[in-house]
């Protein structure tokens, strides 16, 4: 089984506070546990650290957003 998020890059963070529904957090926590099981040598995974790679992957795969960026609209 392949997960879209496999490892978490360590970059200098910018603080951002976000509230998510409990159901989203439960799913995020379950995803973190799945990532940890696939990479047991890395130890436990903090669910909050998955948010950035998930958002980055989402934006990278959004063709409409890519088109807007290419046209330099934003």
C-alpha atoms as a PDB file:
ATOM      1  CA  UNK A   1       0.000   0.000   0.000  1.00  0.00           C
ATOM      2  CA  UNK A   2       1.304   3.450  -0.906  1.00  0.00           C
ATOM      3  CA  UNK A   3       0.685   6.637   1.050  1.00  0.00           C
ATOM      4  CA  UNK A   4       0.963  10.025  -0.622  1.00  0.00           C
ATOM      5  CA  UNK A   5       2.847  11.413   2.372  1.00  0.00           C
ATOM      6  CA  UNK A   6       5.839   9.229   3.244  1.00  0.00           C
ATOM      7  CA  UNK A   7       8.243  11.435   5.166  1.00  0.00           C
ATOM      8  CA  UNK A   8       8.194  14.891   6.634  1.00  0.00           C
ATOM      9  CA  UNK A   9      10.835  17.409   5.558  1.00  0.00           C
ATOM     10  CA  UNK A  10      12.448  19.448   8.301  1.00  0.00           C
ATOM     11  CA  UNK A  11      12.285  23.119   7.275  1.00  0.00           C
ATOM     12  CA  UNK A  12      12.239  26.406   9.147  1.00  0.00           C
ATOM     13  CA  UNK A  13       8.598  26.834  10.185  1.00  0.00           C
ATOM     14  CA  UNK A  14       6.233  29.776  10.047  1.00  0.00           C
ATOM     15  CA  UNK A  15       3.694  29.629  12.860  1.00  0.00           C
ATOM     16  CA  UNK A  16       0.086  29.206  11.758  1.00  0.00           C
ATOM     17  CA  UNK A  17      -2.856  28.428  14.045  1.00  0.00           C
ATOM     18  CA  UNK A  18      -5.672  26.377  12.544  1.00  0.00           C
ATOM     19  CA  UNK A  19      -8.821  24.816  13.943  1.00  0.00           C
ATOM     20  CA  UNK A  20     -10.109  21.615  12.358  1.00  0.00           C
ATOM     21  CA  UNK A  21     -13.218  19.560  13.061  1.00  0.00           C
ATOM     22  CA  UNK A  22     -12.685  16.649  15.450  1.00  0.00           C
ATOM     23  CA  UNK A  23     -13.429  14.173  12.647  1.00  0.00           C
ATOM     24  CA  UNK A  24     -10.644  15.661  10.514  1.00  0.00           C
ATOM     25  CA  UNK A  25      -8.232  15.476  13.445  1.00  0.00           C
ATOM     26  CA  UNK A  26      -9.134  11.825  14.063  1.00  0.00           C
ATOM     27  CA  UNK A  27      -8.434  11.044  10.398  1.00  0.00           C
ATOM     28  CA  UNK A  28      -5.200  13.013  10.530  1.00  0.00           C
ATOM     29  CA  UNK A  29      -4.139  11.104  13.640  1.00  0.00           C
ATOM     30  CA  UNK A  30      -4.987   7.784  11.960  1.00  0.00           C
ATOM     31  CA  UNK A  31      -2.916   8.838   8.933  1.00  0.00           C
ATOM     32  CA  UNK A  32       0.005   9.682  11.240  1.00  0.00           C
ATOM     33  CA  UNK A  33      -0.226   6.220  12.768  1.00  0.00           C
ATOM     34  CA  UNK A  34      -0.204   4.661   9.280  1.00  0.00           C
ATOM     35  CA  UNK A  35       2.889   6.679   8.307  1.00  0.00           C
ATOM     36  CA  UNK A  36       4.597   5.584  11.543  1.00  0.00           C
ATOM     37  CA  UNK A  37       3.782   1.924  10.825  1.00  0.00           C
ATOM     38  CA  UNK A  38       5.260   2.217   7.327  1.00  0.00           C
ATOM     39  CA  UNK A  39       8.449   3.836   8.714  1.00  0.00           C
ATOM     40  CA  UNK A  40       8.925   2.212  12.145  1.00  0.00           C
ATOM     41  CA  UNK A  41      12.593   3.199  12.267  1.00  0.00           C
ATOM     42  CA  UNK A  42      11.539   6.885  12.410  1.00  0.00           C
ATOM     43  CA  UNK A  43       9.350   6.383  15.495  1.00  0.00           C
ATOM     44  CA  UNK A  44       5.983   8.030  16.164  1.00  0.00           C
ATOM     45  CA  UNK A  45       4.688  10.735  13.828  1.00  0.00           C
ATOM     46  CA  UNK A  46       3.094  13.935  15.141  1.00  0.00           C
ATOM     47  CA  UNK A  47      -0.201  14.350  13.274  1.00  0.00           C
ATOM     48  CA  UNK A  48       0.247  18.133  13.121  1.00  0.00           C
ATOM     49  CA  UNK A  49       3.458  17.677  11.127  1.00  0.00           C
ATOM     50  CA  UNK A  50       1.490  16.002   8.340  1.00  0.00           C
ATOM     51  CA  UNK A  51      -0.558  19.115   7.608  1.00  0.00           C
ATOM     52  CA  UNK A  52       2.168  20.957   5.677  1.00  0.00           C
ATOM     53  CA  UNK A  53       3.128  18.097   3.337  1.00  0.00           C
ATOM     54  CA  UNK A  54      -0.562  17.367   2.736  1.00  0.00           C
ATOM     55  CA  UNK A  55      -1.325  20.967   1.805  1.00  0.00           C
ATOM     56  CA  UNK A  56       1.816  21.170  -0.357  1.00  0.00           C
ATOM     57  CA  UNK A  57       0.891  17.961  -2.197  1.00  0.00           C
ATOM     58  CA  UNK A  58      -2.676  19.156  -2.671  1.00  0.00           C
ATOM     59  CA  UNK A  59      -1.538  22.472  -4.166  1.00  0.00           C
ATOM     60  CA  UNK A  60       1.067  20.750  -6.361  1.00  0.00           C
ATOM     61  CA  UNK A  61      -1.611  18.459  -7.808  1.00  0.00           C
ATOM     62  CA  UNK A  62      -4.217  21.201  -8.376  1.00  0.00           C
ATOM     63  CA  UNK A  63      -4.110  21.924 -12.108  1.00  0.00           C
ATOM     64  CA  UNK A  64      -6.231  25.052 -11.811  1.00  0.00           C
ATOM     65  CA  UNK A  65      -3.842  26.500  -9.254  1.00  0.00           C
ATOM     66  CA  UNK A  66      -0.852  25.609 -11.438  1.00  0.00           C
ATOM     67  CA  UNK A  67      -2.454  27.399 -14.377  1.00  0.00           C
ATOM     68  CA  UNK A  68      -3.049  30.513 -12.268  1.00  0.00           C
ATOM     69  CA  UNK A  69       0.571  30.437 -11.060  1.00  0.00           C
ATOM     70  CA  UNK A  70       1.893  30.049 -14.626  1.00  0.00           C
ATOM     71  CA  UNK A  71      -0.144  33.039 -15.747  1.00  0.00           C
ATOM     72  CA  UNK A  72       1.229  34.954 -12.753  1.00  0.00           C
ATOM     73  CA  UNK A  73      -2.282  35.995 -11.732  1.00  0.00           C
ATOM     74  CA  UNK A  74      -1.286  35.551  -8.083  1.00  0.00           C
END
